[in-house]
Amino acid sequence: MSNPVFQWLRSPGARTELQFSAHSHVAHNEKIAPFLHEDHDPSTKTTENYITLVKPKRLDRWLDRVVEISGSDFIYVSIILGLLVWAFLGIPYGSADSYKIVISDAQAIINLVFDAFLMRQQFNQHDNLLMVTGSMRSRISSHKRMLAHLVSEGQIARIDAAKFQALALQDQAEQLPREGWLTRLSSRVSSFLGHMCTAVGFWCCIFVWLGFGPYCGWSNEWQLYINSATSALMVLLLAFLANTRERHSRYTAECLQAIWKADAALELRLREMTGDRIENPMIVLPKRKRSGVQRAIDYYADLVGTLAGVAILVLVIIIWIVCGPALRFDASWWLLMGTYAGLVGLNDGFVLRNICQVLGDHEDEQFDEVNREDHNTLAVVGVESIDEERVTAQSFSYRISVRVGYFCSHQWMVVSGVILIIGLVIGASAMRWSETGQLLCNIPPSIIESFFTLILITGHNVGEKKRRVDLYNIHLRRLKMISYVEQQSSGAAAVEVVDPKAKTEVDRDVCVVLGLATEV
């Protein structure tokens, strides 16, 4: 095996050291000497805009676009309409086993597709947030350096925490962008679905179904009813989660745009006051320490969420269709796809929950670093601590939900899922892969994956709540710091400008960027 091929096979799941450096910001005015890189193209200035990471390969960009569309309102509404059609068709055809099996297969394929897209969606959002934290830390280093210079030179005075807390802000800048009513509704539905009571209700329904087992003679038809129900539930939950994540991702981007502008404005003013020409430093995010088990989980997750994973799924579907004539398109052939999707989907459910928790914890660590460096910067001007938003204490049921989420996301839980899959395969093989044997590989995985999807929504809710608090505090600190710097600079001499008229024009341009109404 050649070395490039070996490296390609090892590439999924790799976690390398990341480096980020924020652009240096200057006023867009010819009277202020530019101090960007010499090869910087003035026509491509993006000093105040937050831009998400863009993958270099075209096929990856196309797949990212497909993933984005999968979380759109159109797809979500289409899924709901499709489920309603399925429910109404069940009135005349619901008693036929073939109807249940065909619908179950269609839902299983949709679930596999959403599993792959959710995996990629999770990694894309994680990569963007790492870029955000690295870039902010890069700029914070420059802020701290320039503020220390201004304090040491006596150009600005130190301020205590109480006065800093009382600094006034412009009305239009006091809060981050507001969510639309659809996003707020989505968040409330997400809170309901991720609640522990919903999970308890789910298992109550499963026990009711089990209670009817003796009455129905443990028949295949009885098994197909719950298989169809849980498959439909999974389709709905996965489509909802994809839509909710996409909505929250867009809202987060709007918040980051506001933070980017505040960051740019603060750096611009500090550089204009100090004459600082040093580029923002490069920040290195070391690769995460992982066990061998977690490395294997990451490998599988990367494979599922890449073009290779999608290609494997398409290949399996093609092989299944080709085998149809040989098996005379009988019930066993139809169940074959459901069996494959059930077993693979079960593993995907375990892996998705693990990846959500692991990546979320890593994001929390990086935002904690941003918060720590922000507070170190405030300490330079005398502010030791300020009152900030905190994640409020939650109810008992919510804390239970979180603990269940942590338990279900553990790496050894994923291993136990693999052991369960092996046990189901052995059991189906002992039954010679009869219709009942294939249902064995369909129904337990479908029930467990539905439960794990509910837990996955819980994990998303917890992570989103933490992120909202982080973004609010980061934004507010920058607005307060801008207000403090403007207040201090109004009575102190800034960088020397020969032409007073030019100085006035520069200050006016800076104020426009800052969004402040400071008189000059």
Protein backbone atom coordinates (compact mmCIF):
# COMPACT_ATOMS: atom_id res chain seq x y z
CA MET A 1 0.00 0.00 0.00
CA SER A 2 1.46 3.34 -1.04
CA ASN A 3 2.08 6.02 1.51
CA PRO A 4 -0.48 8.57 0.13
CA VAL A 5 -3.22 5.94 0.22
CA PHE A 6 -2.29 5.00 3.77
CA GLN A 7 -2.40 8.66 4.82
CA TRP A 8 -5.80 9.07 3.13
CA LEU A 9 -7.18 6.09 5.03
CA ARG A 10 -5.90 7.50 8.31
CA SER A 11 -7.16 11.04 7.69
CA PRO A 12 -10.73 10.65 9.07
CA GLY A 13 -10.82 11.44 12.77
CA ALA A 14 -7.50 13.29 12.73
CA ARG A 15 -7.39 16.28 15.06
CA THR A 16 -4.47 18.56 14.24
CA GLU A 17 -3.15 21.68 15.89
CA LEU A 18 -5.10 24.76 14.72
CA GLN A 19 -3.80 28.32 14.29
CA PHE A 20 -5.85 31.50 13.94
CA SER A 21 -4.96 35.16 13.62
CA ALA A 22 -7.47 38.01 13.48
CA HIS A 23 -7.20 40.67 10.78
CA SER A 24 -5.77 43.98 11.94
CA HIS A 25 -8.37 46.76 11.82
CA VAL A 26 -7.94 50.33 10.65
CA ALA A 27 -10.28 53.14 9.70
CA HIS A 28 -11.21 53.12 6.04
CA ASN A 29 -9.77 56.58 5.51
CA GLU A 30 -6.81 57.53 3.36
CA LYS A 31 -5.59 59.99 6.01
CA ILE A 32 -4.83 57.07 8.31
CA ALA A 33 -1.76 55.16 7.11
CA PRO A 34 -2.61 51.53 6.41
CA PHE A 35 -0.66 48.91 8.30
CA LEU A 36 -1.99 45.62 7.00
CA HIS A 37 0.15 43.01 5.28
CA GLU A 38 1.86 44.37 2.18
CA ASP A 39 0.16 41.80 -0.03
CA HIS A 40 -3.28 42.73 1.28
CA ASP A 41 -5.76 43.51 -1.49
CA PRO A 42 -7.72 46.70 -0.62
CA SER A 43 -10.62 45.47 -2.74
CA THR A 44 -11.14 42.50 -0.42
CA LYS A 45 -11.21 44.27 2.96
CA THR A 46 -13.45 42.43 5.41
CA THR A 47 -12.29 44.09 8.60
CA GLU A 48 -15.69 44.25 10.26
CA ASN A 49 -17.46 41.19 8.86
CA TYR A 50 -17.75 37.78 10.43
CA ILE A 51 -17.22 35.14 7.72
CA THR A 52 -17.64 31.43 8.30
CA LEU A 53 -14.97 28.96 7.26
CA VAL A 54 -15.12 27.88 3.64
CA LYS A 55 -13.71 24.51 2.62
CA PRO A 56 -11.15 24.57 -0.22
CA LYS A 57 -12.63 21.63 -2.19
CA ARG A 58 -15.65 22.29 -4.37
CA LEU A 59 -17.33 18.95 -3.63
CA ASP A 60 -17.07 19.66 0.10
CA ARG A 61 -18.64 23.06 -0.43
CA TRP A 62 -21.46 21.48 -2.42
CA LEU A 63 -22.07 18.93 0.30
CA ASP A 64 -22.10 21.68 2.92
CA ARG A 65 -24.71 23.47 0.86
CA VAL A 66 -26.82 20.29 0.70
CA VAL A 67 -26.47 19.92 4.48
CA GLU A 68 -27.61 23.52 4.91
CA ILE A 69 -30.63 22.88 2.68
CA SER A 70 -31.49 19.74 4.67
CA GLY A 71 -32.05 21.99 7.69
CA SER A 72 -34.16 24.50 5.79
CA ASP A 73 -37.80 25.28 6.54
CA PHE A 74 -38.81 23.86 3.14
CA ILE A 75 -37.34 20.43 3.89
CA TYR A 76 -38.76 20.43 7.40
CA VAL A 77 -42.28 21.29 6.20
CA SER A 78 -41.94 18.71 3.41
CA ILE A 79 -41.06 16.03 5.98
CA ILE A 80 -44.10 16.94 8.07
CA LEU A 81 -46.38 16.82 5.01
CA GLY A 82 -44.86 13.47 4.01
CA LEU A 83 -45.58 12.04 7.46
CA LEU A 84 -49.17 13.30 7.27
CA VAL A 85 -49.59 11.61 3.88
CA TRP A 86 -48.15 8.41 5.37
CA ALA A 87 -50.65 8.61 8.25
CA PHE A 88 -53.66 9.11 5.96
CA LEU A 89 -52.55 6.33 3.59
CA GLY A 90 -52.38 4.08 6.61
CA ILE A 91 -56.18 4.25 6.92
CA PRO A 92 -56.87 2.11 3.81
CA TYR A 93 -53.52 0.28 3.59
CA GLY A 94 -52.26 0.18 7.17
CA SER A 95 -53.27 -3.42 7.80
CA ALA A 96 -51.02 -4.73 5.00
CA ASP A 97 -47.57 -5.86 6.12
CA SER A 98 -46.08 -4.80 2.78
CA TYR A 99 -47.25 -1.23 3.38
CA LYS A 100 -45.62 -1.14 6.81
CA ILE A 101 -42.37 -2.62 5.48
CA VAL A 102 -42.12 -0.27 2.47
CA ILE A 103 -42.80 2.80 4.60
CA SER A 104 -40.35 1.57 7.23
CA ASP A 105 -37.62 1.21 4.58
CA ALA A 106 -38.25 4.69 3.21
CA GLN A 107 -38.05 6.14 6.71
CA ALA A 108 -34.90 4.14 7.46
CA ILE A 109 -33.12 5.52 4.40
CA ILE A 110 -34.16 9.08 5.30
CA ASN A 111 -32.85 8.52 8.83
CA LEU A 112 -29.47 7.38 7.53
CA VAL A 113 -29.22 10.48 5.33
CA PHE A 114 -30.09 12.79 8.23
CA ASP A 115 -27.60 10.99 10.49
CA ALA A 116 -24.84 11.76 7.98
CA PHE A 117 -25.95 15.36 7.54
CA LEU A 118 -26.28 15.97 11.28
CA MET A 119 -22.77 14.62 11.79
CA ARG A 120 -21.39 17.02 9.18
CA GLN A 121 -23.48 19.89 10.51
CA GLN A 122 -22.04 19.31 13.99
CA PHE A 123 -18.45 19.35 12.74
CA ASN A 124 -19.00 22.45 10.57
CA GLN A 125 -20.42 24.45 13.48
CA HIS A 126 -17.63 23.23 15.74
CA ASP A 127 -14.92 24.31 13.27
CA ASN A 128 -16.49 27.75 12.95
CA LEU A 129 -16.68 28.25 16.70
CA LEU A 130 -13.03 27.25 17.10
CA MET A 131 -12.11 29.83 14.45
CA VAL A 132 -14.17 32.40 16.35
CA THR A 133 -12.50 31.77 19.70
CA GLY A 134 -9.01 31.72 18.18
CA SER A 135 -9.60 34.98 16.29
CA MET A 136 -11.07 36.72 19.33
CA ARG A 137 -8.14 35.66 21.49
CA SER A 138 -5.78 36.98 18.82
CA ARG A 139 -7.43 40.39 18.91
CA ILE A 140 -7.73 40.41 22.72
CA SER A 141 -3.93 40.15 22.92
CA SER A 142 -3.63 43.35 20.90
CA HIS A 143 -6.29 45.08 22.99
CA LYS A 144 -4.46 44.21 26.19
CA ARG A 145 -1.11 45.41 24.80
CA MET A 146 -2.49 48.75 23.62
CA LEU A 147 -4.50 49.38 26.78
CA ALA A 148 -1.43 48.68 28.93
CA HIS A 149 0.51 51.21 26.82
CA LEU A 150 -2.20 53.88 27.21
CA VAL A 151 -2.38 53.35 30.99
CA SER A 152 1.40 53.47 31.40
CA GLU A 153 1.62 56.66 29.32
CA GLY A 154 -1.16 58.29 31.34
CA GLN A 155 -3.39 58.72 28.29
CA ILE A 156 -6.24 56.91 30.00
CA ALA A 157 -6.99 56.48 33.71
CA ARG A 158 -7.80 53.26 35.46
CA ILE A 159 -11.42 52.74 36.49
CA ASP A 160 -13.02 50.66 39.23
CA ALA A 161 -15.54 47.92 38.57
CA ALA A 162 -18.56 49.90 39.82
CA LYS A 163 -17.94 52.84 37.47
CA PHE A 164 -17.16 50.51 34.57
CA GLN A 165 -20.40 48.62 35.22
CA ALA A 166 -22.31 51.92 35.18
CA LEU A 167 -20.96 53.08 31.81
CA ALA A 168 -23.83 53.98 29.51
CA LEU A 169 -24.28 52.43 26.08
CA GLN A 170 -26.15 53.59 23.04
CA ASP A 171 -29.70 52.17 22.94
CA GLN A 172 -29.21 50.48 19.58
CA ALA A 173 -26.12 48.67 20.81
CA GLU A 174 -27.35 47.34 24.16
CA GLN A 175 -28.41 43.94 22.96
CA LEU A 176 -27.63 41.33 20.39
CA PRO A 177 -29.98 40.75 17.44
CA ARG A 178 -33.35 39.36 18.43
CA GLU A 179 -34.63 36.00 17.30
CA GLY A 180 -37.55 35.80 14.92
CA TRP A 181 -40.82 34.33 16.18
CA LEU A 182 -40.27 31.08 14.27
CA THR A 183 -36.85 30.63 15.88
CA ARG A 184 -38.33 31.34 19.32
CA LEU A 185 -41.09 28.81 18.65
CA SER A 186 -38.50 26.28 17.50
CA SER A 187 -36.51 26.84 20.69
CA ARG A 188 -39.58 26.21 22.85
CA VAL A 189 -40.48 23.04 20.99
CA SER A 190 -36.84 21.96 21.34
CA SER A 191 -37.04 22.56 25.10
CA PHE A 192 -40.18 20.42 25.26
CA LEU A 193 -38.71 17.57 23.23
CA GLY A 194 -35.47 17.65 25.21
CA HIS A 195 -37.25 17.57 28.57
CA MET A 196 -36.96 14.52 30.77
CA CYS A 197 -40.76 14.23 30.97
CA THR A 198 -40.85 13.73 27.19
CA ALA A 199 -38.33 10.88 27.47
CA VAL A 200 -40.38 9.32 30.28
CA GLY A 201 -43.52 9.63 28.14
CA PHE A 202 -41.71 7.92 25.28
CA TRP A 203 -40.81 4.90 27.43
CA CYS A 204 -44.35 4.77 28.82
CA CYS A 205 -45.61 4.37 25.24
CA ILE A 206 -43.07 1.60 24.64
CA PHE A 207 -44.24 -0.27 27.77
CA VAL A 208 -47.86 0.09 26.67
CA TRP A 209 -46.90 -1.48 23.34
CA LEU A 210 -45.10 -4.30 25.13
CA GLY A 211 -48.22 -4.84 27.25
CA PHE A 212 -50.20 -5.63 24.10
CA GLY A 213 -47.62 -8.26 23.07
CA PRO A 214 -49.39 -11.29 24.62
CA TYR A 215 -52.76 -10.11 23.28
CA CYS A 216 -51.31 -9.86 19.73
CA GLY A 217 -49.47 -13.15 20.05
CA TRP A 218 -46.10 -11.39 19.66
CA SER A 219 -46.83 -11.39 15.94
CA ASN A 220 -44.79 -9.76 13.17
CA GLU A 221 -47.67 -7.36 12.57
CA TRP A 222 -47.53 -6.26 16.19
CA GLN A 223 -43.79 -5.66 15.81
CA LEU A 224 -44.23 -3.74 12.56
CA TYR A 225 -46.62 -1.28 14.22
CA ILE A 226 -43.99 -0.03 16.68
CA ASN A 227 -41.31 -0.16 13.99
CA SER A 228 -43.35 2.16 11.77
CA ALA A 229 -44.19 4.48 14.68
CA THR A 230 -40.62 4.84 15.96
CA SER A 231 -39.26 5.24 12.42
CA ALA A 232 -41.73 8.07 11.75
CA LEU A 233 -40.83 9.65 15.09
CA MET A 234 -37.13 9.50 14.24
CA VAL A 235 -37.68 11.14 10.86
CA LEU A 236 -39.60 13.95 12.54
CA LEU A 237 -37.05 14.42 15.34
CA LEU A 238 -34.01 14.33 13.05
CA ALA A 239 -35.58 16.80 10.60
CA PHE A 240 -36.57 19.04 13.51
CA LEU A 241 -33.07 18.90 15.00
CA ALA A 242 -31.47 19.73 11.64
CA ASN A 243 -33.83 22.68 11.22
CA THR A 244 -33.31 23.92 14.78
CA ARG A 245 -29.52 23.69 14.49
CA GLU A 246 -29.61 25.60 11.22
CA ARG A 247 -31.79 28.33 12.76
CA HIS A 248 -29.56 28.63 15.81
CA SER A 249 -26.48 28.64 13.59
CA ARG A 250 -27.84 31.59 11.60
CA TYR A 251 -28.72 33.44 14.79
CA THR A 252 -25.25 32.76 16.22
CA ALA A 253 -23.74 34.16 13.01
CA GLU A 254 -25.80 37.36 13.49
CA CYS A 255 -24.55 37.65 17.07
CA LEU A 256 -20.96 37.09 15.95
CA GLN A 257 -21.39 39.78 13.30
CA ALA A 258 -22.32 42.25 16.07
CA ILE A 259 -19.37 41.08 18.20
CA TRP A 260 -17.02 41.33 15.20
CA LYS A 261 -18.07 44.96 14.62
CA ALA A 262 -17.56 45.84 18.28
CA ASP A 263 -14.17 44.11 18.27
CA ALA A 264 -13.15 45.91 15.09
CA ALA A 265 -14.30 49.24 16.48
CA LEU A 266 -12.38 48.79 19.73
CA GLU A 267 -9.18 47.76 17.98
CA LEU A 268 -9.55 50.58 15.45
CA ARG A 269 -9.87 53.22 18.19
CA LEU A 270 -7.02 51.81 20.25
CA ARG A 271 -4.70 51.71 17.25
CA GLU A 272 -5.69 55.25 16.31
CA MET A 273 -4.89 56.41 19.85
CA THR A 274 -1.62 54.52 20.23
CA GLY A 275 -0.27 54.45 16.67
CA ASP A 276 0.31 50.71 17.22
CA ARG A 277 1.36 48.88 14.03
CA ILE A 278 1.92 45.38 15.41
CA GLU A 279 -0.15 42.68 13.73
CA ASN A 280 -2.55 40.62 15.81
CA PRO A 281 -0.64 37.53 17.00
CA MET A 282 -1.22 33.96 15.91
CA ILE A 283 -3.12 31.86 18.46
CA VAL A 284 -2.46 28.13 18.57
CA LEU A 285 -5.23 25.75 19.65
CA PRO A 286 -3.53 22.48 20.61
CA LYS A 287 -5.11 19.25 19.46
CA ARG A 288 -7.34 17.48 21.96
CA LYS A 289 -6.04 14.58 23.99
CA ARG A 290 -8.06 11.47 23.18
CA SER A 291 -8.11 7.83 24.11
CA GLY A 292 -7.84 5.14 21.49
CA VAL A 293 -11.57 4.44 21.82
CA GLN A 294 -12.47 8.09 21.26
CA ARG A 295 -10.09 8.22 18.29
CA ALA A 296 -11.99 5.30 16.73
CA ILE A 297 -15.33 7.01 17.38
CA ASP A 298 -14.05 10.23 15.76
CA TYR A 299 -12.84 8.20 12.78
CA TYR A 300 -16.28 6.72 12.24
CA ALA A 301 -18.01 10.09 12.76
CA ASP A 302 -15.76 11.79 10.20
CA LEU A 303 -16.34 8.98 7.74
CA VAL A 304 -20.13 9.22 8.07
CA GLY A 305 -20.15 12.99 7.63
CA THR A 306 -17.86 13.15 4.59
CA LEU A 307 -18.32 12.49 0.88
CA ALA A 308 -16.98 8.97 1.46
CA GLY A 309 -19.77 8.24 3.94
CA VAL A 310 -22.43 9.52 1.55
CA ALA A 311 -20.87 7.48 -1.28
CA ILE A 312 -20.99 4.32 0.88
CA LEU A 313 -24.67 4.93 1.64
CA VAL A 314 -25.50 5.39 -2.05
CA LEU A 315 -23.53 2.23 -2.92
CA VAL A 316 -25.43 0.17 -0.32
CA ILE A 317 -28.77 1.38 -1.70
CA ILE A 318 -27.71 0.48 -5.25
CA ILE A 319 -26.59 -3.02 -4.20
CA TRP A 320 -29.88 -3.51 -2.35
CA ILE A 321 -31.90 -2.52 -5.44
CA VAL A 322 -29.82 -4.79 -7.69
CA CYS A 323 -30.49 -7.72 -5.36
CA GLY A 324 -34.25 -7.15 -5.65
CA PRO A 325 -34.95 -9.42 -8.67
CA ALA A 326 -32.88 -12.28 -7.19
CA LEU A 327 -35.00 -12.15 -4.01
CA ARG A 328 -38.20 -11.57 -6.02
CA PHE A 329 -38.80 -8.33 -4.14
CA ASP A 330 -40.31 -10.31 -1.27
CA ALA A 331 -40.76 -9.23 2.35
CA SER A 332 -37.27 -10.41 3.25
CA TRP A 333 -35.78 -8.20 0.54
CA TRP A 334 -37.71 -5.18 1.79
CA LEU A 335 -36.68 -5.85 5.37
CA LEU A 336 -33.04 -6.18 4.31
CA MET A 337 -32.63 -2.41 3.92
CA GLY A 338 -34.51 -1.79 7.14
CA THR A 339 -32.20 -4.21 8.92
CA TYR A 340 -29.09 -2.49 7.60
CA ALA A 341 -30.45 0.95 8.40
CA GLY A 342 -31.58 -0.16 11.84
CA LEU A 343 -28.19 -1.53 12.85
CA VAL A 344 -26.17 1.32 11.34
CA GLY A 345 -28.65 3.89 12.64
CA LEU A 346 -28.33 2.47 16.13
CA ASN A 347 -24.58 2.99 16.04
CA ASP A 348 -25.06 6.47 14.55
CA GLY A 349 -27.35 7.38 17.45
CA PHE A 350 -24.68 6.48 20.01
CA VAL A 351 -21.94 8.24 18.03
CA LEU A 352 -23.96 11.42 17.41
CA ARG A 353 -24.60 11.83 21.14
CA ASN A 354 -20.94 11.23 21.95
CA ILE A 355 -19.71 13.68 19.32
CA CYS A 356 -22.19 16.34 20.43
CA GLN A 357 -20.91 16.11 24.01
CA VAL A 358 -17.19 15.87 23.19
CA LEU A 359 -17.20 18.77 20.72
CA GLY A 360 -19.42 20.83 23.02
CA ASP A 361 -17.01 20.35 25.93
CA HIS A 362 -14.11 21.43 23.70
CA GLU A 363 -16.01 24.55 22.62
CA ASP A 364 -16.76 25.35 26.27
CA GLU A 365 -13.03 25.15 27.05
CA GLN A 366 -12.18 27.57 24.24
CA PHE A 367 -14.87 30.07 25.23
CA ASP A 368 -13.64 29.83 28.83
CA GLU A 369 -10.22 30.89 27.50
CA VAL A 370 -11.81 33.88 25.73
CA ASN A 371 -13.61 34.86 28.94
CA ARG A 372 -10.44 34.49 30.99
CA GLU A 373 -8.39 36.65 28.62
CA ASP A 374 -11.19 39.20 28.46
CA HIS A 375 -11.11 39.55 32.24
CA ASN A 376 -7.31 39.83 32.20
CA THR A 377 -7.70 42.69 29.72
CA LEU A 378 -10.24 44.41 31.98
CA ALA A 379 -7.82 44.05 34.89
CA VAL A 380 -5.31 46.17 32.94
CA VAL A 381 -7.62 49.18 33.30
CA GLY A 382 -8.44 48.38 36.93
CA VAL A 383 -11.63 46.30 36.55
CA GLU A 384 -11.11 43.15 38.60
CA SER A 385 -14.61 41.73 38.20
CA ILE A 386 -17.99 42.69 36.76
CA ASP A 387 -21.51 41.36 37.04
CA GLU A 388 -22.36 39.15 34.08
CA GLU A 389 -25.01 36.76 32.88
CA ARG A 390 -24.80 33.22 34.17
CA VAL A 391 -26.54 30.00 33.22
CA THR A 392 -29.39 30.02 35.71
CA ALA A 393 -30.09 27.14 38.06
CA GLN A 394 -32.33 24.58 36.42
CA SER A 395 -35.14 22.39 37.69
CA PHE A 396 -34.57 18.92 39.06
CA SER A 397 -35.92 17.27 35.91
CA TYR A 398 -33.59 19.36 33.74
CA ARG A 399 -30.57 18.36 35.82
CA ILE A 400 -31.61 14.73 35.49
CA SER A 401 -31.86 15.20 31.71
CA VAL A 402 -28.34 16.61 31.63
CA ARG A 403 -26.95 13.74 33.69
CA VAL A 404 -28.65 11.18 31.46
CA GLY A 405 -27.14 12.99 28.48
CA TYR A 406 -23.65 12.78 29.99
CA PHE A 407 -24.12 9.10 30.71
CA CYS A 408 -25.40 8.31 27.22
CA SER A 409 -22.55 10.24 25.57
CA HIS A 410 -19.71 8.34 27.26
CA GLN A 411 -17.29 6.58 24.93
CA TRP A 412 -17.97 3.22 26.56
CA MET A 413 -21.67 3.72 25.86
CA VAL A 414 -20.76 3.73 22.17
CA VAL A 415 -18.82 0.50 22.71
CA SER A 416 -21.83 -1.05 24.42
CA GLY A 417 -23.90 -0.08 21.39
CA VAL A 418 -21.50 -1.96 19.13
CA ILE A 419 -21.74 -5.02 21.42
CA LEU A 420 -25.54 -4.80 21.24
CA ILE A 421 -25.40 -4.69 17.43
CA ILE A 422 -23.19 -7.80 17.39
CA GLY A 423 -25.68 -9.55 19.69
CA LEU A 424 -28.59 -8.67 17.41
CA VAL A 425 -26.71 -9.96 14.36
CA ILE A 426 -25.97 -13.23 16.16
CA GLY A 427 -29.63 -13.55 17.16
CA ALA A 428 -30.87 -12.89 13.61
CA SER A 429 -28.33 -15.38 12.25
CA ALA A 430 -29.60 -18.03 14.68
CA MET A 431 -33.06 -17.42 13.17
CA ARG A 432 -31.51 -17.76 9.69
CA TRP A 433 -32.46 -14.16 8.92
CA SER A 434 -36.12 -14.95 8.75
CA GLU A 435 -38.69 -12.15 8.78
CA THR A 436 -38.81 -12.33 12.56
CA GLY A 437 -35.00 -12.38 12.74
CA GLN A 438 -34.77 -9.25 10.59
CA LEU A 439 -37.42 -7.53 12.69
CA LEU A 440 -35.19 -8.26 15.68
CA CYS A 441 -32.53 -6.11 14.00
CA ASN A 442 -35.11 -3.42 13.17
CA ILE A 443 -37.22 -2.80 16.23
CA PRO A 444 -34.82 -2.58 19.25
CA PRO A 445 -32.44 -0.30 17.27
CA SER A 446 -35.38 1.87 16.15
CA ILE A 447 -36.61 2.28 19.75
CA ILE A 448 -33.15 3.00 21.16
CA GLU A 449 -32.22 5.43 18.37
CA SER A 450 -35.49 7.34 18.89
CA PHE A 451 -34.62 7.72 22.57
CA PHE A 452 -31.08 8.82 21.74
CA THR A 453 -32.43 11.43 19.34
CA LEU A 454 -34.45 12.91 22.22
CA ILE A 455 -31.28 12.93 24.33
CA LEU A 456 -29.42 14.54 21.44
CA ILE A 457 -31.94 17.39 21.44
CA THR A 458 -31.31 17.79 25.17
CA GLY A 459 -27.58 18.07 24.52
CA HIS A 460 -28.17 20.68 21.83
CA ASN A 461 -30.36 22.73 24.20
CA VAL A 462 -27.74 22.67 26.97
CA GLY A 463 -24.92 23.69 24.63
CA GLU A 464 -27.00 26.42 22.98
CA LYS A 465 -27.91 27.95 26.32
CA LYS A 466 -24.27 28.14 27.38
CA ARG A 467 -23.30 29.66 24.06
CA ARG A 468 -25.96 32.37 24.26
CA VAL A 469 -24.66 33.45 27.66
CA ASP A 470 -21.06 33.49 26.40
CA LEU A 471 -21.92 35.59 23.35
CA TYR A 472 -23.98 38.06 25.40
CA ASN A 473 -21.17 38.61 27.92
CA ILE A 474 -18.47 38.89 25.24
CA HIS A 475 -20.51 41.45 23.32
CA LEU A 476 -21.35 43.49 26.43
CA ARG A 477 -17.71 43.64 27.56
CA ARG A 478 -16.67 45.09 24.21
CA LEU A 479 -19.43 47.68 24.22
CA LYS A 480 -18.48 48.73 27.75
CA MET A 481 -14.82 48.92 26.80
CA ILE A 482 -15.63 51.05 23.74
CA SER A 483 -17.65 53.40 25.93
CA TYR A 484 -14.80 53.57 28.46
CA VAL A 485 -12.15 54.28 25.80
CA GLU A 486 -14.28 56.96 24.15
CA GLN A 487 -14.96 58.59 27.52
CA GLN A 488 -11.25 58.60 28.37
CA SER A 489 -10.07 59.77 24.96
CA SER A 490 -12.48 62.71 24.86
CA GLY A 491 -10.34 64.55 27.39
CA ALA A 492 -6.90 63.23 26.38
CA ALA A 493 -4.61 63.73 23.39
CA ALA A 494 -4.66 60.89 20.88
CA VAL A 495 -2.05 60.11 18.24
CA GLU A 496 -0.58 63.32 16.82
CA VAL A 497 -2.17 64.41 13.52
CA VAL A 498 -0.62 67.42 11.75
CA ASP A 499 -3.79 68.74 10.14
CA PRO A 500 -6.50 69.43 12.80
CA LYS A 501 -9.17 69.33 10.12
CA ALA A 502 -7.94 65.90 9.04
CA LYS A 503 -7.96 64.80 12.68
CA THR A 504 -11.62 65.81 12.99
CA GLU A 505 -12.54 63.90 9.84
CA VAL A 506 -10.71 60.82 11.06
CA ASP A 507 -12.47 60.93 14.43
CA ARG A 508 -15.83 61.32 12.72
CA ASP A 509 -15.15 58.26 10.57
CA VAL A 510 -14.10 56.28 13.63
CA CYS A 511 -17.30 57.25 15.45
CA VAL A 512 -19.40 56.08 12.52
CA VAL A 513 -17.70 52.69 12.69
CA LEU A 514 -18.14 52.56 16.44
CA GLY A 515 -21.83 53.41 16.20
CA LEU A 516 -21.37 56.16 18.81
CA ALA A 517 -22.48 59.77 18.76
CA THR A 518 -19.33 61.26 20.23
CA GLU A 519 -18.74 64.90 19.39
CA VAL A 520 -15.37 65.84 17.91
